[in-house]
N, C-alpha and C. Protein backbone atom coordinates (compact mmCIF):
# COMPACT_ATOMS: atom_id res chain seq x y z
N CYS A 1 -14.87 17.88 -8.61
CA CYS A 1 -15.00 16.48 -8.58
C CYS A 1 -14.98 16.03 -9.91
N VAL A 2 -15.72 16.53 -11.32
CA VAL A 2 -15.52 15.93 -12.27
C VAL A 2 -14.13 16.45 -13.27
N ARG A 3 -13.87 17.81 -12.67
CA ARG A 3 -12.53 18.09 -13.10
C ARG A 3 -11.40 17.10 -12.80
N GLN A 4 -11.58 16.45 -11.49
CA GLN A 4 -10.46 16.26 -11.01
C GLN A 4 -10.28 14.36 -11.82
N MET A 5 -11.62 13.84 -11.97
CA MET A 5 -11.14 12.76 -12.46
C MET A 5 -11.43 13.08 -14.32
N ALA A 6 -11.48 14.25 -14.52
CA ALA A 6 -10.87 14.32 -15.98
C ALA A 6 -9.75 14.67 -16.13
N GLN A 7 -9.20 14.85 -15.39
CA GLN A 7 -7.56 15.10 -15.49
C GLN A 7 -6.27 13.85 -15.43
N GLY A 8 -8.01 13.11 -14.82
CA GLY A 8 -6.72 11.37 -14.77
C GLY A 8 -6.71 10.87 -13.34
N GLN A 9 -7.30 11.88 -12.59
CA GLN A 9 -6.84 10.91 -11.16
C GLN A 9 -8.02 9.65 -11.06
N GLY A 10 -8.69 9.59 -11.82
CA GLY A 10 -9.64 7.77 -11.65
C GLY A 10 -10.92 7.98 -10.94
N TYR A 11 -10.77 8.93 -10.27
CA TYR A 11 -11.72 8.62 -9.21
C TYR A 11 -12.46 10.17 -8.60
N ILE A 12 -13.44 10.12 -7.83
CA ILE A 12 -13.71 11.42 -7.46
C ILE A 12 -14.15 11.06 -5.55
N GLN A 13 -14.59 11.98 -5.00
CA GLN A 13 -15.05 11.94 -3.56
C GLN A 13 -15.81 12.96 -3.85
N CYS A 14 -17.47 12.09 -3.10
CA CYS A 14 -18.13 13.08 -2.68
C CYS A 14 -17.95 13.88 -1.87
N PRO A 15 -18.18 15.60 -1.91
CA PRO A 15 -17.87 16.62 -0.69
C PRO A 15 -18.45 16.73 0.10
N VAL A 16 -19.77 16.09 -0.03
CA VAL A 16 -20.78 15.92 1.29
C VAL A 16 -20.22 14.99 2.21
N CYS A 17 -20.44 13.67 1.78
CA CYS A 17 -20.38 12.40 2.57
C CYS A 17 -18.93 11.68 2.08
N ARG A 18 -18.05 11.97 2.04
CA ARG A 18 -16.37 11.85 1.52
C ARG A 18 -16.96 10.31 0.89
N THR A 19 -17.65 10.15 0.32
CA THR A 19 -17.05 8.38 -0.51
C THR A 19 -16.62 8.48 -1.68
N ILE A 20 -15.82 7.56 -2.16
CA ILE A 20 -15.22 7.53 -3.32
C ILE A 20 -15.89 6.95 -4.26
N GLN A 21 -15.96 7.26 -5.29
CA GLN A 21 -16.35 6.70 -6.47
C GLN A 21 -15.12 6.14 -7.20
N GLY A 22 -15.19 5.18 -7.93
CA GLY A 22 -14.09 4.77 -8.56
C GLY A 22 -12.72 4.23 -7.52
N PRO A 23 -11.45 3.72 -8.61
CA PRO A 23 -10.75 3.18 -7.86
C PRO A 23 -9.21 4.44 -7.67
N LYS A 24 -9.31 4.28 -6.37
CA LYS A 24 -8.50 5.33 -6.08
C LYS A 24 -7.15 5.12 -6.03
N THR A 25 -5.91 6.07 -6.76
CA THR A 25 -4.63 5.31 -6.72
C THR A 25 -3.86 6.38 -6.02
N GLY A 26 -2.75 6.17 -5.52
CA GLY A 26 -1.65 6.83 -5.12
C GLY A 26 0.13 7.09 -6.16
N GLY A 27 0.99 7.72 -5.36
CA GLY A 27 2.35 7.93 -6.43
C GLY A 27 3.17 7.40 -5.37
N HIS A 28 3.28 6.13 -4.68
CA HIS A 28 4.21 5.35 -4.89
C HIS A 28 4.98 5.15 -5.76
N PRO A 29 6.34 4.57 -5.53
CA PRO A 29 7.60 4.72 -6.75
C PRO A 29 6.53 3.03 -7.17
N LEU A 30 7.07 2.52 -8.18
CA LEU A 30 6.66 1.82 -9.50
C LEU A 30 7.58 0.99 -9.03
N THR A 31 8.67 1.15 -7.89
CA THR A 31 9.79 -0.14 -8.28
C THR A 31 9.99 -0.31 -6.90
N GLY A 32 8.69 -0.25 -5.92
CA GLY A 32 8.25 -1.04 -4.74
C GLY A 32 8.08 -2.40 -4.65
N GLU A 33 8.37 -2.94 -3.53
CA GLU A 33 8.10 -4.59 -3.50
C GLU A 33 7.24 -4.55 -2.02
N MET A 34 6.79 -5.63 -1.98
CA MET A 34 5.55 -6.19 -0.82
C MET A 34 5.77 -7.78 -1.94
N ARG A 35 6.56 -8.38 -0.14
CA ARG A 35 6.14 -9.69 -0.26
C ARG A 35 5.83 -10.20 0.90
N MET A 36 5.05 -11.84 0.88
CA MET A 36 4.69 -12.02 1.84
C MET A 36 4.67 -13.42 2.39
N THR A 37 4.96 -13.94 3.43
CA THR A 37 5.47 -15.21 3.73
C THR A 37 4.49 -15.71 4.74
N ARG A 38 4.60 -16.71 5.05
CA ARG A 38 3.77 -17.27 6.22
C ARG A 38 4.53 -18.40 7.33
N HIS A 39 4.60 -18.27 8.41
CA HIS A 39 5.40 -19.10 9.34
C HIS A 39 4.35 -19.53 10.46
N SER A 40 4.87 -20.60 11.04
CA SER A 40 3.75 -21.60 12.11
C SER A 40 4.17 -20.85 13.46
N ARG A 41 5.51 -20.04 13.66
CA ARG A 41 5.12 -19.21 14.89
C ARG A 41 3.93 -18.61 15.05
N THR A 42 3.66 -18.20 16.36
CA THR A 42 2.57 -17.55 16.59
C THR A 42 2.76 -15.86 17.30
N LEU A 43 1.69 -15.15 17.32
CA LEU A 43 2.33 -13.90 17.77
C LEU A 43 1.66 -13.76 19.10
N PRO A 44 1.76 -12.68 19.74
CA PRO A 44 1.80 -12.87 21.33
C PRO A 44 0.10 -12.40 20.93
N GLY A 45 -0.63 -13.01 22.18
CA GLY A 45 -2.46 -12.60 21.67
C GLY A 45 -3.08 -13.51 20.56
N TYR A 46 -2.38 -14.38 19.79
CA TYR A 46 -2.62 -15.24 18.94
C TYR A 46 -2.07 -16.49 19.09
N PRO A 47 -2.47 -17.11 20.24
CA PRO A 47 -2.15 -18.40 20.66
C PRO A 47 -2.28 -19.45 19.55
N GLU A 48 -3.23 -19.39 18.63
CA GLU A 48 -4.01 -20.38 17.62
C GLU A 48 -3.57 -20.14 16.24
N SER A 49 -3.01 -19.12 15.79
CA SER A 49 -2.57 -18.78 14.81
C SER A 49 -1.17 -18.76 14.09
N GLY A 50 -0.73 -19.12 13.03
CA GLY A 50 0.34 -18.53 12.62
C GLY A 50 0.82 -17.35 12.15
N THR A 51 1.80 -16.72 11.62
CA THR A 51 2.26 -15.64 11.26
C THR A 51 2.32 -15.21 9.80
N ILE A 52 1.84 -13.91 9.54
CA ILE A 52 1.75 -13.68 7.72
C ILE A 52 3.05 -12.91 8.19
N ILE A 53 3.90 -13.21 7.76
CA ILE A 53 4.85 -11.37 7.79
C ILE A 53 5.47 -11.06 6.15
N ILE A 54 4.74 -9.55 6.27
CA ILE A 54 5.11 -9.05 5.17
C ILE A 54 6.31 -7.71 5.01
N SER A 55 7.20 -8.27 3.80
CA SER A 55 7.83 -7.05 3.76
C SER A 55 7.99 -6.14 2.96
N TYR A 56 8.16 -5.05 2.79
CA TYR A 56 8.36 -4.04 2.07
C TYR A 56 9.47 -3.61 1.69
N LYS A 57 9.93 -3.29 0.57
CA LYS A 57 11.20 -2.81 -0.17
C LYS A 57 10.90 -1.69 -1.02
N MET A 58 11.72 -0.20 -0.54
CA MET A 58 11.69 0.73 -1.87
C MET A 58 12.73 0.96 -2.33
N ILE A 59 13.29 0.93 -3.71
CA ILE A 59 14.04 1.58 -4.12
C ILE A 59 14.53 2.63 -4.46
N PRO A 60 15.47 3.50 -4.30
CA PRO A 60 15.89 4.84 -4.38
C PRO A 60 15.85 5.17 -5.92
N GLY A 61 15.12 6.26 -6.50
CA GLY A 61 14.59 6.49 -7.89
C GLY A 61 14.68 8.23 -8.13
N ILE A 62 14.15 8.41 -8.92
CA ILE A 62 14.15 9.64 -9.82
C ILE A 62 11.93 9.73 -10.21
N GLN A 63 11.90 11.29 -9.75
CA GLN A 63 10.53 11.59 -8.98
C GLN A 63 9.85 11.38 -10.74
N THR A 64 8.70 10.84 -10.74
CA THR A 64 7.94 11.19 -12.37
C THR A 64 7.19 12.34 -12.60
N GLU A 65 6.23 12.58 -13.46
CA GLU A 65 5.24 13.42 -13.53
C GLU A 65 4.27 13.69 -12.32
N GLN A 66 4.10 13.13 -11.78
CA GLN A 66 2.86 12.83 -10.60
C GLN A 66 3.43 13.23 -9.31
N HIS A 67 5.02 13.16 -9.23
CA HIS A 67 5.15 13.23 -8.05
C HIS A 67 5.29 15.26 -8.05
N PRO A 68 6.18 15.51 -7.02
CA PRO A 68 5.97 16.81 -6.35
C PRO A 68 7.16 17.53 -7.52
N HIS A 69 8.27 17.08 -7.60
CA HIS A 69 9.49 17.61 -7.80
C HIS A 69 9.86 16.52 -9.55
N PRO A 70 9.00 16.44 -10.37
CA PRO A 70 9.76 15.43 -11.14
C PRO A 70 10.84 15.97 -11.78
N GLY A 71 11.74 14.47 -11.86
CA GLY A 71 12.68 14.58 -12.33
C GLY A 71 14.38 14.47 -11.44
N LYS A 72 13.83 14.81 -10.06
CA LYS A 72 14.51 15.13 -8.71
C LYS A 72 14.63 13.58 -8.15
N PRO A 73 16.17 13.32 -7.75
CA PRO A 73 15.87 12.38 -7.02
C PRO A 73 14.77 11.81 -5.95
N TYR A 74 14.80 10.93 -5.54
CA TYR A 74 14.24 10.39 -4.15
C TYR A 74 14.77 9.55 -3.39
N TYR A 75 14.86 9.52 -1.85
CA TYR A 75 15.28 7.99 -1.18
C TYR A 75 14.43 6.92 -0.58
N ALA A 76 14.49 6.34 -0.57
CA ALA A 76 13.69 4.95 0.20
C ALA A 76 14.56 5.16 1.93
N HIS A 77 14.07 6.16 2.42
CA HIS A 77 14.88 5.61 4.02
C HIS A 77 13.86 4.93 4.90
N ALA A 78 14.45 4.19 5.74
CA ALA A 78 14.23 3.25 6.58
C ALA A 78 13.28 1.69 5.60
N PHE A 79 14.25 1.33 4.81
CA PHE A 79 13.48 0.55 4.25
C PHE A 79 14.90 -0.71 3.83
N PRO A 80 14.47 -1.85 3.84
CA PRO A 80 13.09 -2.54 3.64
C PRO A 80 12.47 -2.52 5.14
N ARG A 81 11.57 -2.63 5.49
CA ARG A 81 9.92 -2.81 6.50
C ARG A 81 9.47 -3.87 6.53
N THR A 82 9.09 -4.61 7.65
CA THR A 82 8.54 -5.53 7.60
C THR A 82 7.18 -5.61 8.94
N ALA A 83 6.12 -6.19 8.85
CA ALA A 83 5.14 -5.97 9.05
C ALA A 83 4.29 -7.42 9.70
N PHE A 84 3.78 -7.56 10.73
CA PHE A 84 3.30 -8.97 10.60
C PHE A 84 1.73 -9.06 11.62
N LEU A 85 1.22 -9.99 11.11
CA LEU A 85 -0.07 -10.71 11.17
C LEU A 85 -0.45 -11.78 11.79
N PRO A 86 -1.47 -11.73 12.39
CA PRO A 86 -1.80 -13.12 12.45
C PRO A 86 -2.79 -13.95 11.49
N ASP A 87 -2.17 -15.05 11.00
CA ASP A 87 -2.69 -16.40 10.27
C ASP A 87 -3.99 -16.81 10.45
N ASN A 88 -4.74 -15.79 10.66
CA ASN A 88 -6.01 -16.19 10.68
C ASN A 88 -7.38 -15.46 10.04
N GLN A 89 -8.47 -15.54 10.04
CA GLN A 89 -9.65 -15.02 9.12
C GLN A 89 -9.52 -13.28 9.18
N GLN A 90 -8.95 -12.52 10.20
CA GLN A 90 -9.19 -11.03 10.19
C GLN A 90 -7.85 -11.24 9.56
N GLY A 91 -6.67 -11.57 10.20
CA GLY A 91 -5.36 -11.56 9.45
C GLY A 91 -5.58 -11.31 7.87
N ASN A 92 -5.84 -12.16 7.55
CA ASN A 92 -6.17 -12.25 6.10
C ASN A 92 -7.03 -11.69 5.28
N TYR A 93 -8.12 -10.90 5.58
CA TYR A 93 -8.81 -10.20 5.42
C TYR A 93 -8.05 -8.55 5.44
N ILE A 94 -6.74 -8.49 6.51
CA ILE A 94 -5.99 -7.20 6.29
C ILE A 94 -5.45 -7.16 5.53
N LEU A 95 -4.14 -8.65 5.42
CA LEU A 95 -3.68 -8.66 3.94
C LEU A 95 -4.43 -8.36 2.64
N LYS A 96 -5.67 -8.71 2.52
CA LYS A 96 -5.82 -8.44 1.36
C LYS A 96 -6.05 -7.20 1.09
N MET A 97 -6.78 -6.32 2.10
CA MET A 97 -6.53 -4.80 1.63
C MET A 97 -5.11 -4.42 1.98
N LEU A 98 -4.74 -4.75 2.29
CA LEU A 98 -3.08 -4.12 2.38
C LEU A 98 -2.60 -4.36 0.81
N VAL A 99 -2.84 -5.48 0.12
CA VAL A 99 -2.04 -5.90 -0.99
C VAL A 99 -2.84 -5.27 -2.27
N THR A 100 -4.10 -4.76 -1.75
CA THR A 100 -4.80 -4.17 -2.72
C THR A 100 -4.22 -2.59 -3.00
N ALA A 101 -4.02 -2.13 -1.51
CA ALA A 101 -3.50 -0.83 -1.48
C ALA A 101 -1.97 -0.93 -2.16
N PHE A 102 -1.35 -1.29 -1.74
CA PHE A 102 -0.12 -1.61 -2.78
C PHE A 102 -0.28 -1.56 -3.73
N ARG A 103 -0.92 -2.39 -4.69
CA ARG A 103 -0.95 -2.45 -6.10
C ARG A 103 -1.87 -1.09 -6.92
N ARG A 104 -2.36 -0.41 -5.71
CA ARG A 104 -3.05 0.81 -6.21
C ARG A 104 -2.01 1.89 -5.84
N ARG A 105 -0.57 1.70 -5.29
CA ARG A 105 0.38 2.55 -4.86
C ARG A 105 0.07 3.53 -4.00
N LEU A 106 -1.05 3.06 -2.66
CA LEU A 106 -1.05 3.80 -1.71
C LEU A 106 -0.92 3.63 -0.60
N THR A 107 0.23 2.60 -0.53
CA THR A 107 0.94 2.37 1.04
C THR A 107 2.67 2.96 0.37
């Protein structure tokens, strides 16, 4: 665990309880975009809430040293993508987690 952290991973995970210590980051491309808008329309099952619309966009590029095949191209298939959440307390909580995951390059 300590070797992983020393190698720049930035976090360690306990092999017993699986708890992560430190901010975990991933390797999705830096060229990705996550945009959020709000709309007054409701989602099925949430008649009292508006809608949070999340748009993800990834742009094709070249893999960096942290990827499996540095220097080779990658392609962003099936993008842009769109997700929907109810604009309520639970939806905003999930949105906050999704934003954190995106900024840490985990999604």
